[in-house]
Amino acid sequence: MPAGKGPTKLNLRTRKEERLPSSGLWLPNRTMTCVTTGEPTFSPYDAASGKTSEQAAFGGCEPYFTTDGIW
């Protein structure tokens, strides 16, 4: 990631890039309602304001999101 650019969403079909309104390096879920940093935590995310309500970490490791949002 280029310095100063921040997190970016890329549409693979159109190649359009959209900068995410986030204050940190968060990985969002498909619906842009929850984020993680790679630590064992999932935090609510408000895409309209770009605000994240950081939650306490759980035990475990390396959380990730699935495309269907179920598993």
PDB file of N, CA and C in Angstrom:
ATOM      1  N   MET A   1       0.844  -1.173   0.000  1.00  0.00           N
ATOM      2  CA  MET A   1       0.000   0.000   0.000  1.00  0.00           C
ATOM      3  C   MET A   1       0.891   1.238   0.000  1.00  0.00           C
ATOM      4  N   PRO A   2       0.640   2.164  -0.915  1.00  0.00           N
ATOM      5  CA  PRO A   2       1.435   3.382  -0.962  1.00  0.00           C
ATOM      6  C   PRO A   2       1.284   4.201   0.317  1.00  0.00           C
ATOM      7  N   ALA A   3       2.357   4.825   0.740  1.00  0.00           N
ATOM      8  CA  ALA A   3       2.342   5.635   1.958  1.00  0.00           C
ATOM      9  C   ALA A   3       1.299   6.736   1.862  1.00  0.00           C
ATOM     10  N   GLY A   4       0.513   6.892   2.918  1.00  0.00           N
ATOM     11  CA  GLY A   4      -0.464   7.968   2.981  1.00  0.00           C
ATOM     12  C   GLY A   4      -1.768   7.689   2.267  1.00  0.00           C
ATOM     13  N   LYS A   5      -1.884   6.574   1.565  1.00  0.00           N
ATOM     14  CA  LYS A   5      -3.108   6.304   0.823  1.00  0.00           C
ATOM     15  C   LYS A   5      -4.200   5.751   1.715  1.00  0.00           C
ATOM     16  N   GLY A   6      -3.870   4.886   2.667  1.00  0.00           N
ATOM     17  CA  GLY A   6      -4.858   4.318   3.574  1.00  0.00           C
ATOM     18  C   GLY A   6      -5.573   3.136   2.958  1.00  0.00           C
ATOM     19  N   PRO A   7      -6.513   2.545   3.705  1.00  0.00           N
ATOM     20  CA  PRO A   7      -7.225   1.375   3.210  1.00  0.00           C
ATOM     21  C   PRO A   7      -8.074   1.714   1.985  1.00  0.00           C
ATOM     22  N   THR A   8      -8.064   0.827   1.005  1.00  0.00           N
ATOM     23  CA  THR A   8      -8.764   1.062  -0.255  1.00  0.00           C
ATOM     24  C   THR A   8      -9.544  -0.173  -0.668  1.00  0.00           C
ATOM     25  N   LYS A   9     -10.766   0.033  -1.180  1.00  0.00           N
ATOM     26  CA  LYS A   9     -11.584  -1.051  -1.728  1.00  0.00           C
ATOM     27  C   LYS A   9     -11.441  -1.000  -3.243  1.00  0.00           C
ATOM     28  N   LEU A  10     -11.175  -2.158  -3.861  1.00  0.00           N
ATOM     29  CA  LEU A  10     -10.991  -2.238  -5.307  1.00  0.00           C
ATOM     30  C   LEU A  10     -12.071  -3.116  -5.903  1.00  0.00           C
ATOM     31  N   ASN A  11     -12.830  -2.578  -6.869  1.00  0.00           N
ATOM     32  CA  ASN A  11     -13.811  -3.360  -7.617  1.00  0.00           C
ATOM     33  C   ASN A  11     -13.056  -4.066  -8.728  1.00  0.00           C
ATOM     34  N   LEU A  12     -12.982  -5.387  -8.664  1.00  0.00           N
ATOM     35  CA  LEU A  12     -12.178  -6.137  -9.631  1.00  0.00           C
ATOM     36  C   LEU A  12     -12.756  -6.104 -11.041  1.00  0.00           C
ATOM     37  N   ARG A  13     -14.054  -5.919 -11.170  1.00  0.00           N
ATOM     38  CA  ARG A  13     -14.659  -5.845 -12.509  1.00  0.00           C
ATOM     39  C   ARG A  13     -14.372  -4.515 -13.199  1.00  0.00           C
ATOM     40  N   THR A  14     -14.569  -3.420 -12.460  1.00  0.00           N
ATOM     41  CA  THR A  14     -14.427  -2.091 -13.063  1.00  0.00           C
ATOM     42  C   THR A  14     -13.053  -1.470 -12.829  1.00  0.00           C
ATOM     43  N   ARG A  15     -12.269  -2.053 -11.915  1.00  0.00           N
ATOM     44  CA  ARG A  15     -10.957  -1.522 -11.508  1.00  0.00           C
ATOM     45  C   ARG A  15     -11.068  -0.196 -10.770  1.00  0.00           C
ATOM     46  N   LYS A  16     -12.289   0.168 -10.333  1.00  0.00           N
ATOM     47  CA  LYS A  16     -12.491   1.415  -9.601  1.00  0.00           C
ATOM     48  C   LYS A  16     -11.999   1.248  -8.167  1.00  0.00           C
ATOM     49  N   GLU A  17     -11.206   2.201  -7.700  1.00  0.00           N
ATOM     50  CA  GLU A  17     -10.719   2.210  -6.328  1.00  0.00           C
ATOM     51  C   GLU A  17     -11.527   3.202  -5.514  1.00  0.00           C
ATOM     52  N   GLU A  18     -11.817   2.818  -4.272  1.00  0.00           N
ATOM     53  CA  GLU A  18     -12.537   3.699  -3.364  1.00  0.00           C
ATOM     54  C   GLU A  18     -11.821   3.688  -2.025  1.00  0.00           C
ATOM     55  N   ARG A  19     -11.384   4.847  -1.595  1.00  0.00           N
ATOM     56  CA  ARG A  19     -10.701   4.935  -0.304  1.00  0.00           C
ATOM     57  C   ARG A  19     -11.713   4.764   0.812  1.00  0.00           C
ATOM     58  N   LEU A  20     -11.402   3.899   1.767  1.00  0.00           N
ATOM     59  CA  LEU A  20     -12.297   3.652   2.882  1.00  0.00           C
ATOM     60  C   LEU A  20     -12.112   4.722   3.954  1.00  0.00           C
ATOM     61  N   PRO A  21     -13.224   5.247   4.476  1.00  0.00           N
ATOM     62  CA  PRO A  21     -13.133   6.293   5.507  1.00  0.00           C
ATOM     63  C   PRO A  21     -12.815   5.687   6.859  1.00  0.00           C
ATOM     64  N   SER A  22     -11.573   5.285   7.053  1.00  0.00           N
ATOM     65  CA  SER A  22     -11.180   4.630   8.297  1.00  0.00           C
ATOM     66  C   SER A  22      -9.948   5.296   8.867  1.00  0.00           C
ATOM     67  N   SER A  23      -9.864   5.270  10.184  1.00  0.00           N
ATOM     68  CA  SER A  23      -8.713   5.901  10.831  1.00  0.00           C
ATOM     69  C   SER A  23      -7.561   4.924  11.042  1.00  0.00           C
ATOM     70  N   GLY A  24      -7.767   3.678  10.697  1.00  0.00           N
ATOM     71  CA  GLY A  24      -6.720   2.683  10.902  1.00  0.00           C
ATOM     72  C   GLY A  24      -6.722   1.664   9.791  1.00  0.00           C
ATOM     73  N   LEU A  25      -5.903   0.654   9.931  1.00  0.00           N
ATOM     74  CA  LEU A  25      -5.831  -0.391   8.912  1.00  0.00           C
ATOM     75  C   LEU A  25      -6.759  -1.533   9.300  1.00  0.00           C
ATOM     76  N   TRP A  26      -8.023  -1.343   9.071  1.00  0.00           N
ATOM     77  CA  TRP A  26      -9.059  -2.294   9.405  1.00  0.00           C
ATOM     78  C   TRP A  26      -9.476  -3.070   8.163  1.00  0.00           C
ATOM     79  N   LEU A  27      -9.778  -4.351   8.320  1.00  0.00           N
ATOM     80  CA  LEU A  27     -10.323  -5.166   7.247  1.00  0.00           C
ATOM     81  C   LEU A  27     -11.832  -5.248   7.452  1.00  0.00           C
ATOM     82  N   PRO A  28     -12.632  -4.689   6.522  1.00  0.00           N
ATOM     83  CA  PRO A  28     -14.091  -4.710   6.699  1.00  0.00           C
ATOM     84  C   PRO A  28     -14.711  -5.993   6.171  1.00  0.00           C
ATOM     85  N   ASN A  29     -15.916  -6.304   6.690  1.00  0.00           N
ATOM     86  CA  ASN A  29     -16.674  -7.405   6.128  1.00  0.00           C
ATOM     87  C   ASN A  29     -17.355  -6.936   4.838  1.00  0.00           C
ATOM     88  N   ARG A  30     -18.019  -7.841   4.141  1.00  0.00           N
ATOM     89  CA  ARG A  30     -18.626  -7.539   2.842  1.00  0.00           C
ATOM     90  C   ARG A  30     -19.675  -6.436   2.926  1.00  0.00           C
ATOM     91  N   THR A  31     -20.411  -6.380   4.020  1.00  0.00           N
ATOM     92  CA  THR A  31     -21.475  -5.389   4.160  1.00  0.00           C
ATOM     93  C   THR A  31     -20.998  -4.076   4.790  1.00  0.00           C
ATOM     94  N   MET A  32     -19.711  -3.985   5.101  1.00  0.00           N
ATOM     95  CA  MET A  32     -19.121  -2.773   5.680  1.00  0.00           C
ATOM     96  C   MET A  32     -19.776  -2.393   7.015  1.00  0.00           C
ATOM     97  N   THR A  33     -20.095  -3.398   7.843  1.00  0.00           N
ATOM     98  CA  THR A  33     -20.709  -3.148   9.143  1.00  0.00           C
ATOM     99  C   THR A  33     -19.817  -3.584  10.298  1.00  0.00           C
ATOM    100  N   CYS A  34     -18.752  -4.302   9.999  1.00  0.00           N
ATOM    101  CA  CYS A  34     -17.869  -4.843  11.022  1.00  0.00           C
ATOM    102  C   CYS A  34     -16.448  -4.889  10.471  1.00  0.00           C
ATOM    103  N   VAL A  35     -15.465  -4.682  11.334  1.00  0.00           N
ATOM    104  CA  VAL A  35     -14.067  -4.679  10.902  1.00  0.00           C
ATOM    105  C   VAL A  35     -13.197  -5.468  11.872  1.00  0.00           C
ATOM    106  N   THR A  36     -12.026  -5.871  11.394  1.00  0.00           N
ATOM    107  CA  THR A  36     -11.025  -6.506  12.241  1.00  0.00           C
ATOM    108  C   THR A  36      -9.644  -6.012  11.808  1.00  0.00           C
ATOM    109  N   THR A  37      -8.690  -6.096  12.717  1.00  0.00           N
ATOM    110  CA  THR A  37      -7.321  -5.690  12.397  1.00  0.00           C
ATOM    111  C   THR A  37      -6.416  -6.889  12.205  1.00  0.00           C
ATOM    112  N   GLY A  38      -6.959  -8.086  12.373  1.00  0.00           N
ATOM    113  CA  GLY A  38      -6.143  -9.285  12.350  1.00  0.00           C
ATOM    114  C   GLY A  38      -5.909  -9.813  13.748  1.00  0.00           C
ATOM    115  N   GLU A  39      -6.225  -8.995  14.748  1.00  0.00           N
ATOM    116  CA  GLU A  39      -6.226  -9.451  16.136  1.00  0.00           C
ATOM    117  C   GLU A  39      -7.542 -10.196  16.345  1.00  0.00           C
ATOM    118  N   PRO A  40      -7.656 -11.025  17.372  1.00  0.00           N
ATOM    119  CA  PRO A  40      -8.900 -11.770  17.564  1.00  0.00           C
ATOM    120  C   PRO A  40     -10.027 -10.889  18.109  1.00  0.00           C
ATOM    121  N   THR A  41     -10.508  -9.981  17.282  1.00  0.00           N
ATOM    122  CA  THR A  41     -11.609  -9.096  17.659  1.00  0.00           C
ATOM    123  C   THR A  41     -12.402  -8.682  16.430  1.00  0.00           C
ATOM    124  N   PHE A  42     -13.682  -8.459  16.604  1.00  0.00           N
ATOM    125  CA  PHE A  42     -14.546  -7.919  15.555  1.00  0.00           C
ATOM    126  C   PHE A  42     -15.214  -6.682  16.129  1.00  0.00           C
ATOM    127  N   SER A  43     -15.105  -5.551  15.423  1.00  0.00           N
ATOM    128  CA  SER A  43     -15.615  -4.289  15.932  1.00  0.00           C
ATOM    129  C   SER A  43     -16.666  -3.718  14.992  1.00  0.00           C
ATOM    130  N   PRO A  44     -17.777  -3.177  15.541  1.00  0.00           N
ATOM    131  CA  PRO A  44     -18.794  -2.535  14.704  1.00  0.00           C
ATOM    132  C   PRO A  44     -18.187  -1.357  13.943  1.00  0.00           C
ATOM    133  N   TYR A  45     -18.630  -1.189  12.702  1.00  0.00           N
ATOM    134  CA  TYR A  45     -18.114  -0.125  11.836  1.00  0.00           C
ATOM    135  C   TYR A  45     -19.281   0.622  11.201  1.00  0.00           C
ATOM    136  N   ASP A  46     -19.242   1.949  11.239  1.00  0.00           N
ATOM    137  CA  ASP A  46     -20.247   2.800  10.598  1.00  0.00           C
ATOM    138  C   ASP A  46     -19.612   3.403   9.354  1.00  0.00           C
ATOM    139  N   ALA A  47     -19.952   2.862   8.185  1.00  0.00           N
ATOM    140  CA  ALA A  47     -19.332   3.302   6.935  1.00  0.00           C
ATOM    141  C   ALA A  47     -19.644   4.767   6.617  1.00  0.00           C
ATOM    142  N   ALA A  48     -20.818   5.242   6.991  1.00  0.00           N
ATOM    143  CA  ALA A  48     -21.193   6.627   6.693  1.00  0.00           C
ATOM    144  C   ALA A  48     -20.275   7.626   7.387  1.00  0.00           C
ATOM    145  N   SER A  49     -19.938   7.358   8.635  1.00  0.00           N
ATOM    146  CA  SER A  49     -19.085   8.292   9.382  1.00  0.00           C
ATOM    147  C   SER A  49     -17.622   7.866   9.392  1.00  0.00           C
ATOM    148  N   GLY A  50     -17.359   6.583   9.040  1.00  0.00           N
ATOM    149  CA  GLY A  50     -15.992   6.084   9.075  1.00  0.00           C
ATOM    150  C   GLY A  50     -15.520   5.751  10.476  1.00  0.00           C
ATOM    151  N   LYS A  51     -16.456   5.665  11.424  1.00  0.00           N
ATOM    152  CA  LYS A  51     -16.087   5.410  12.816  1.00  0.00           C
ATOM    153  C   LYS A  51     -16.172   3.919  13.154  1.00  0.00           C
ATOM    154  N   THR A  52     -15.189   3.480  13.916  1.00  0.00           N
ATOM    155  CA  THR A  52     -15.123   2.111  14.398  1.00  0.00           C
ATOM    156  C   THR A  52     -15.248   2.121  15.909  1.00  0.00           C
ATOM    157  N   SER A  53     -16.094   1.240  16.442  1.00  0.00           N
ATOM    158  CA  SER A  53     -16.218   1.074  17.890  1.00  0.00           C
ATOM    159  C   SER A  53     -15.379  -0.140  18.271  1.00  0.00           C
ATOM    160  N   GLU A  54     -14.104   0.125  18.558  1.00  0.00           N
ATOM    161  CA  GLU A  54     -13.167  -0.970  18.818  1.00  0.00           C
ATOM    162  C   GLU A  54     -13.593  -1.776  20.041  1.00  0.00           C
ATOM    163  N   GLN A  55     -13.634  -3.096  19.884  1.00  0.00           N
ATOM    164  CA  GLN A  55     -14.037  -4.024  20.933  1.00  0.00           C
ATOM    165  C   GLN A  55     -12.815  -4.721  21.520  1.00  0.00           C
ATOM    166  N   ALA A  56     -12.981  -5.270  22.702  1.00  0.00           N
ATOM    167  CA  ALA A  56     -11.905  -6.032  23.350  1.00  0.00           C
ATOM    168  C   ALA A  56     -11.633  -7.305  22.561  1.00  0.00           C
ATOM    169  N   ALA A  57     -10.384  -7.735  22.565  1.00  0.00           N
ATOM    170  CA  ALA A  57      -9.985  -8.935  21.833  1.00  0.00           C
ATOM    171  C   ALA A  57     -10.496 -10.192  22.526  1.00  0.00           C
ATOM    172  N   PHE A  58     -10.845 -11.196  21.722  1.00  0.00           N
ATOM    173  CA  PHE A  58     -11.224 -12.513  22.214  1.00  0.00           C
ATOM    174  C   PHE A  58      -9.977 -13.387  22.243  1.00  0.00           C
ATOM    175  N   GLY A  59     -10.091 -14.564  22.818  1.00  0.00           N
ATOM    176  CA  GLY A  59      -9.010 -15.522  22.695  1.00  0.00           C
ATOM    177  C   GLY A  59      -9.037 -16.102  21.281  1.00  0.00           C
ATOM    178  N   GLY A  60      -7.964 -16.655  20.837  1.00  0.00           N
ATOM    179  CA  GLY A  60      -7.917 -17.220  19.489  1.00  0.00           C
ATOM    180  C   GLY A  60      -6.948 -16.448  18.622  1.00  0.00           C
ATOM    181  N   CYS A  61      -7.061 -16.643  17.316  1.00  0.00           N
ATOM    182  CA  CYS A  61      -6.128 -15.968  16.422  1.00  0.00           C
ATOM    183  C   CYS A  61      -6.746 -15.727  15.055  1.00  0.00           C
ATOM    184  N   GLU A  62      -6.206 -14.784  14.359  1.00  0.00           N
ATOM    185  CA  GLU A  62      -6.464 -14.455  12.960  1.00  0.00           C
ATOM    186  C   GLU A  62      -7.921 -14.559  12.512  1.00  0.00           C
ATOM    187  N   PRO A  63      -8.775 -13.629  12.921  1.00  0.00           N
ATOM    188  CA  PRO A  63     -10.164 -13.636  12.458  1.00  0.00           C
ATOM    189  C   PRO A  63     -10.250 -13.263  10.981  1.00  0.00           C
ATOM    190  N   TYR A  64     -11.277 -13.714  10.337  1.00  0.00           N
ATOM    191  CA  TYR A  64     -11.504 -13.340   8.941  1.00  0.00           C
ATOM    192  C   TYR A  64     -12.988 -13.401   8.645  1.00  0.00           C
ATOM    193  N   PHE A  65     -13.381 -12.788   7.534  1.00  0.00           N
ATOM    194  CA  PHE A  65     -14.776 -12.773   7.108  1.00  0.00           C
ATOM    195  C   PHE A  65     -14.950 -13.675   5.908  1.00  0.00           C
ATOM    196  N   THR A  66     -16.127 -14.272   5.781  1.00  0.00           N
ATOM    197  CA  THR A  66     -16.452 -15.048   4.598  1.00  0.00           C
ATOM    198  C   THR A  66     -17.361 -14.216   3.704  1.00  0.00           C
ATOM    199  N   THR A  67     -17.414 -14.531   2.423  1.00  0.00           N
ATOM    200  CA  THR A  67     -18.229 -13.743   1.500  1.00  0.00           C
ATOM    201  C   THR A  67     -19.709 -13.876   1.768  1.00  0.00           C
ATOM    202  N   ASP A  68     -20.151 -15.017   2.337  1.00  0.00           N
ATOM    203  CA  ASP A  68     -21.577 -15.161   2.624  1.00  0.00           C
ATOM    204  C   ASP A  68     -21.968 -14.577   3.978  1.00  0.00           C
ATOM    205  N   GLY A  69     -20.996 -14.211   4.795  1.00  0.00           N
ATOM    206  CA  GLY A  69     -21.260 -13.586   6.086  1.00  0.00           C
ATOM    207  C   GLY A  69     -21.827 -14.520   7.130  1.00  0.00           C
ATOM    208  N   ILE A  70     -21.842 -15.815   6.846  1.00  0.00           N
ATOM    209  CA  ILE A  70     -22.417 -16.779   7.781  1.00  0.00           C
ATOM    210  C   ILE A  70     -21.344 -17.566   8.525  1.00  0.00           C
ATOM    211  N   TRP A  71     -20.365 -18.094   7.832  1.00  0.00           N
ATOM    212  CA  TRP A  71     -19.343 -18.934   8.458  1.00  0.00           C
ATOM    213  C   TRP A  71     -18.032 -18.246   8.538  1.00  0.00           C
TER     214      TRP A  71
END
